[in-house]
């Protein structure tokens, strides 16, 4: 058995661990090398893997829109004043977390909440001012009363005549009539009772005595105690009073219930 032949001068012995097996092909010099990883290093990204492998450098998971910020925007659009303000501030704080988006929604909710809060303050202040303004209340009362009288068919003026079926004037049965033709009654006074609580039926009757009696004498030209006419009134009851009815309508008709065929103004009947 002969001794091993030493390698040529300047050479090195072949590495028995790296020598390719028979039939294998070593990579040619300069060709791309397999992406071997150092021990403990992350595995290279493999796009062909069904799971994508490791994400590439700089990849960030999708951010979830913050629900509180969405609620701030929605309540702000609905004009819910302080609610979107609170939700918007909470949304701004919550969206500091990088995992949550929606900061713009929260800010929009704060802006809309501030605007609606200012609007509600103006409305409340205006209502308070109008509620304490006597002139405004009188105008509203007058307008409401006129609407009520017109709807009830009692929007008559002094000197106008009307008819009604039966023996008594009932609201809803009254119809306008020509004073120069046969008619049931003629209006000789229209007045307004003072506001406040309903005075009761006795209070309305007292107003009739205090108001209609002197108005009758002035309009007809005769003493109510000596006339052939009869004086009556239509006034508010407890229900109509709550609806703004304050009108006391005084009218004259024939004492025997017959039809009048002319105006009683200045007749002295």
Protein backbone atom coordinates (compact mmCIF):
# COMPACT_ATOMS: atom_id res chain seq x y z
CA UNK A 1 0.00 0.00 0.00
CA UNK A 2 1.55 3.26 -1.10
CA UNK A 3 1.54 6.48 1.02
CA UNK A 4 -0.89 9.31 0.15
CA UNK A 5 0.41 11.70 -2.42
CA UNK A 6 0.66 15.22 -0.97
CA UNK A 7 -1.13 18.04 -2.80
CA UNK A 8 0.77 20.17 -5.20
CA UNK A 9 2.60 23.12 -3.75
CA UNK A 10 0.23 26.06 -3.02
CA UNK A 11 -2.85 23.86 -3.31
CA UNK A 12 -5.22 22.54 -0.70
CA UNK A 13 -6.71 19.22 -0.01
CA UNK A 14 -10.30 18.72 -1.20
CA UNK A 15 -12.93 19.23 1.47
CA UNK A 16 -14.62 15.91 1.94
CA UNK A 17 -17.76 17.64 3.39
CA UNK A 18 -18.35 20.03 0.48
CA UNK A 19 -17.35 17.82 -2.41
CA UNK A 20 -20.51 17.19 -4.47
CA UNK A 21 -21.69 13.65 -4.75
CA UNK A 22 -21.38 11.83 -7.96
CA UNK A 23 -24.12 12.87 -10.35
CA UNK A 24 -24.81 16.22 -8.65
CA UNK A 25 -24.23 19.52 -10.35
CA UNK A 26 -22.52 22.33 -8.46
CA UNK A 27 -23.64 25.87 -9.18
CA UNK A 28 -21.63 27.50 -11.85
CA UNK A 29 -19.42 30.35 -10.75
CA UNK A 30 -21.36 33.68 -10.79
CA UNK A 31 -24.80 32.06 -10.93
CA UNK A 32 -27.53 33.08 -8.41
CA UNK A 33 -27.15 31.36 -5.12
CA UNK A 34 -30.08 29.82 -3.18
CA UNK A 35 -31.47 32.19 -0.51
CA UNK A 36 -29.97 30.39 2.40
CA UNK A 37 -30.77 32.09 5.70
CA UNK A 38 -28.46 32.55 8.56
CA UNK A 39 -29.45 30.58 11.68
CA UNK A 40 -32.00 32.57 13.71
CA UNK A 41 -32.76 35.06 10.87
CA UNK A 42 -36.36 35.48 9.57
CA UNK A 43 -37.28 33.30 6.65
CA UNK A 44 -37.19 35.12 3.30
CA UNK A 45 -40.51 36.28 1.82
CA UNK A 46 -41.85 33.72 -0.59
CA UNK A 47 -44.56 35.09 -2.90
CA UNK A 48 -45.32 31.63 -4.25
CA UNK A 49 -46.36 30.37 -0.83
CA UNK A 50 -50.16 30.05 -0.34
CA UNK A 51 -49.80 31.91 2.96
CA UNK A 52 -47.51 34.57 1.58
CA UNK A 53 -44.65 33.67 3.88
CA UNK A 54 -43.29 36.53 5.94
CA UNK A 55 -44.59 40.02 4.99
CA UNK A 56 -42.16 42.23 3.08
CA UNK A 57 -40.29 45.01 4.81
CA UNK A 58 -42.58 47.95 5.71
CA UNK A 59 -45.87 45.98 5.64
CA UNK A 60 -48.57 47.17 8.13
CA UNK A 61 -51.86 45.39 8.96
CA UNK A 62 -55.10 47.23 7.91
CA UNK A 63 -56.46 49.76 10.46
CA UNK A 64 -60.03 49.46 11.79
CA UNK A 65 -62.27 52.54 11.70
CA UNK A 66 -63.16 53.61 15.24
CA UNK A 67 -66.85 53.14 16.02
CA UNK A 68 -66.95 56.04 18.48
CA UNK A 69 -65.67 58.40 15.77
CA UNK A 70 -68.38 57.17 13.40
CA UNK A 71 -70.99 57.76 16.09
CA UNK A 72 -69.64 61.29 16.62
CA UNK A 73 -70.15 62.12 12.95
CA UNK A 74 -73.65 60.61 12.79
CA UNK A 75 -74.92 62.39 15.92
CA UNK A 76 -73.31 65.61 14.70
CA UNK A 77 -75.25 65.38 11.42
CA UNK A 78 -78.43 64.81 13.44
CA UNK A 79 -77.74 68.01 15.40
CA UNK A 80 -77.59 66.32 18.81
CA UNK A 81 -75.51 69.15 20.29
CA UNK A 82 -73.38 68.00 23.24
CA UNK A 83 -73.50 64.28 22.34
CA UNK A 84 -71.28 64.54 19.22
CA UNK A 85 -68.96 66.86 21.12
CA UNK A 86 -68.31 64.20 23.76
CA UNK A 87 -68.10 61.36 21.28
CA UNK A 88 -65.78 63.37 19.02
CA UNK A 89 -63.35 64.13 21.85
CA UNK A 90 -63.37 60.44 22.84
CA UNK A 91 -62.81 59.50 19.18
CA UNK A 92 -59.77 61.78 18.89
CA UNK A 93 -58.25 60.14 21.96
CA UNK A 94 -59.04 56.63 20.75
CA UNK A 95 -57.60 57.18 17.26
CA UNK A 96 -54.19 57.93 18.75
CA UNK A 97 -53.89 54.15 18.75
CA UNK A 98 -52.23 53.26 15.38
CA UNK A 99 -54.62 50.31 15.05
CA UNK A 100 -57.64 52.67 14.80
CA UNK A 101 -58.52 55.13 12.04
CA UNK A 102 -61.29 57.72 11.88
CA UNK A 103 -59.67 60.78 13.42
CA UNK A 104 -61.20 62.97 10.70
CA UNK A 105 -64.66 61.62 11.49
CA UNK A 106 -64.18 62.46 15.17
CA UNK A 107 -63.06 66.01 14.35
CA UNK A 108 -66.03 66.48 12.02
CA UNK A 109 -68.31 65.31 14.84
CA UNK A 110 -66.78 67.89 17.19
CA UNK A 111 -67.33 70.70 14.67
CA UNK A 112 -70.93 69.71 13.94
CA UNK A 113 -71.62 69.25 17.65
CA UNK A 114 -70.28 72.71 18.43
CA UNK A 115 -72.41 74.28 15.67
CA UNK A 116 -75.58 72.49 16.77
CA UNK A 117 -74.93 73.41 20.41
CA UNK A 118 -74.65 77.08 19.44
CA UNK A 119 -77.83 76.76 17.39
CA UNK A 120 -79.78 75.25 20.29
CA UNK A 121 -78.53 77.98 22.63
CA UNK A 122 -79.79 80.65 20.20
CA UNK A 123 -83.17 78.89 19.85
CA UNK A 124 -83.64 78.55 23.61
CA UNK A 125 -82.65 82.18 24.18
CA UNK A 126 -85.07 83.34 21.47
CA UNK A 127 -87.94 81.28 22.88
CA UNK A 128 -87.24 82.63 26.35
CA UNK A 129 -87.22 86.19 25.05
CA UNK A 130 -90.48 85.78 23.14
CA UNK A 131 -92.15 84.02 26.06
CA UNK A 132 -91.39 86.98 28.30
CA UNK A 133 -92.37 89.62 25.74
CA UNK A 134 -95.89 90.94 26.43
CA UNK A 135 -96.35 92.46 22.97
CA UNK A 136 -95.47 89.18 21.29
CA UNK A 137 -97.84 87.24 23.54
CA UNK A 138 -100.66 89.68 22.85
CA UNK A 139 -100.08 89.40 19.10
CA UNK A 140 -100.09 85.62 19.26
CA UNK A 141 -103.21 85.60 21.42
CA UNK A 142 -105.01 87.96 19.07
CA UNK A 143 -104.03 85.98 16.00
CA UNK A 144 -105.04 82.69 17.60
CA UNK A 145 -108.35 84.10 18.78
CA UNK A 146 -109.17 85.48 15.33
CA UNK A 147 -108.44 82.08 13.82
CA UNK A 148 -110.64 80.39 16.41
CA UNK A 149 -113.55 82.80 15.87
CA UNK A 150 -113.31 82.40 12.12
CA UNK A 151 -113.24 78.62 12.40
CA UNK A 152 -116.21 78.64 14.79
CA UNK A 153 -118.24 80.95 12.54
CA UNK A 154 -118.33 83.76 15.12
CA UNK A 155 -116.20 86.34 13.33
CA UNK A 156 -119.00 88.95 13.26
CA UNK A 157 -118.73 92.70 13.61
CA UNK A 158 -121.13 95.24 15.06
CA UNK A 159 -124.03 95.90 12.67
CA UNK A 160 -123.94 92.47 10.99
CA UNK A 161 -126.95 90.15 11.10
CA UNK A 162 -127.33 86.39 11.20
CA UNK A 163 -129.85 83.57 11.21
CA UNK A 164 -130.02 80.35 13.18
CA UNK A 165 -132.52 77.50 13.31
CA UNK A 166 -134.56 76.73 16.41
CA UNK A 167 -135.08 78.84 19.48
CA UNK A 168 -131.45 79.42 20.50
CA UNK A 169 -128.23 80.51 18.86
CA UNK A 170 -125.83 77.61 18.94
CA UNK A 171 -122.28 77.86 17.68
CA UNK A 172 -122.13 76.09 14.33
CA UNK A 173 -125.80 76.81 13.50
CA UNK A 174 -125.29 80.52 12.87
CA UNK A 175 -125.25 81.74 9.27
CA UNK A 176 -124.78 85.30 7.96
CA UNK A 177 -127.94 87.14 6.88
CA UNK A 178 -128.90 90.37 5.14
CA UNK A 179 -130.07 92.96 7.67
CA UNK A 180 -132.61 94.37 5.18
CA UNK A 181 -134.24 90.93 4.75
CA UNK A 182 -135.93 88.84 7.43
CA UNK A 183 -133.30 87.66 9.91
CA UNK A 184 -133.08 86.37 13.45
CA UNK A 185 -130.58 88.67 15.14
CA UNK A 186 -128.26 91.64 14.82
CA UNK A 187 -124.90 92.13 16.51
CA UNK A 188 -124.68 95.33 18.55
CA UNK A 189 -121.48 94.69 20.58
CA UNK A 190 -118.28 92.66 20.26
CA UNK A 191 -115.81 92.79 23.15
CA UNK A 192 -112.93 90.82 24.59
CA UNK A 193 -112.82 89.47 28.12
CA UNK A 194 -109.59 89.97 30.06
CA UNK A 195 -107.08 87.14 30.11
CA UNK A 196 -106.21 84.90 33.03
CA UNK A 197 -108.13 81.94 34.39
CA UNK A 198 -111.60 81.14 33.11
CA UNK A 199 -114.02 83.29 35.18
CA UNK A 200 -116.76 80.65 35.14
CA UNK A 201 -120.21 80.91 33.60
CA UNK A 202 -121.25 83.40 36.27
CA UNK A 203 -118.27 85.59 35.40
CA UNK A 204 -119.20 85.57 31.72
CA UNK A 205 -122.81 86.48 32.59
CA UNK A 206 -121.57 89.33 34.74
CA UNK A 207 -119.49 90.58 31.82
CA UNK A 208 -122.65 90.49 29.69
CA UNK A 209 -124.50 92.66 32.21
CA UNK A 210 -121.60 95.09 32.52
CA UNK A 211 -120.84 95.34 28.80
CA UNK A 212 -123.89 94.52 26.71
CA UNK A 213 -126.52 96.54 28.58
CA UNK A 214 -124.89 99.95 28.04
CA UNK A 215 -123.89 98.96 24.49
CA UNK A 216 -127.53 98.07 23.70
CA UNK A 217 -128.84 101.47 24.75
CA UNK A 218 -126.14 103.20 22.76
CA UNK A 219 -126.75 101.13 19.62
CA UNK A 220 -130.57 100.77 19.62
CA UNK A 221 -131.44 104.06 21.34
CA UNK A 222 -133.77 102.62 23.99
CA UNK A 223 -133.51 101.46 27.58
CA UNK A 224 -132.94 97.71 27.79
CA UNK A 225 -135.68 97.53 30.46
CA UNK A 226 -138.25 99.20 28.18
CA UNK A 227 -137.39 97.77 24.75
CA UNK A 228 -139.45 95.34 22.70
CA UNK A 229 -136.24 93.59 21.77
CA UNK A 230 -134.34 90.98 23.74
CA UNK A 231 -130.56 91.02 24.24
CA UNK A 232 -128.49 87.85 24.32
CA UNK A 233 -124.84 86.93 24.10
CA UNK A 234 -122.48 84.20 22.91
CA UNK A 235 -119.40 83.90 25.11
CA UNK A 236 -116.62 81.46 25.88
CA UNK A 237 -117.04 78.32 27.93
CA UNK A 238 -114.31 76.53 29.83
CA UNK A 239 -113.22 74.46 26.82
CA UNK A 240 -113.13 77.30 24.29
CA UNK A 241 -111.35 79.49 26.86
CA UNK A 242 -108.38 77.12 26.85
CA UNK A 243 -108.28 77.47 23.05
CA UNK A 244 -107.93 81.23 23.31
CA UNK A 245 -111.58 82.25 23.04
CA UNK A 246 -112.18 85.56 24.86
CA UNK A 247 -114.91 87.04 22.69
CA UNK A 248 -118.23 88.24 24.08
CA UNK A 249 -120.68 88.73 21.22
CA UNK A 250 -123.93 90.57 22.12
CA UNK A 251 -126.89 90.52 19.76
CA UNK A 252 -130.52 91.69 19.71
CA UNK A 253 -133.56 89.87 18.45
CA UNK A 254 -137.35 90.36 18.62
CA UNK A 255 -138.73 89.77 22.09
CA UNK A 256 -141.46 87.48 20.76
CA UNK A 257 -139.02 85.40 18.71
CA UNK A 258 -140.27 86.64 15.34
CA UNK A 259 -137.97 87.63 12.49
CA UNK A 260 -136.59 91.13 12.22
CA UNK A 261 -137.03 92.70 8.78
CA UNK A 262 -134.71 95.70 9.20
CA UNK A 263 -131.71 96.84 11.19
CA UNK A 264 -132.40 97.79 14.81
CA UNK A 265 -129.59 100.36 14.88
CA UNK A 266 -131.09 103.65 16.16
CA UNK A 267 -134.61 102.21 15.86
CA UNK A 268 -135.56 102.90 19.49
CA UNK A 269 -137.54 99.63 19.57
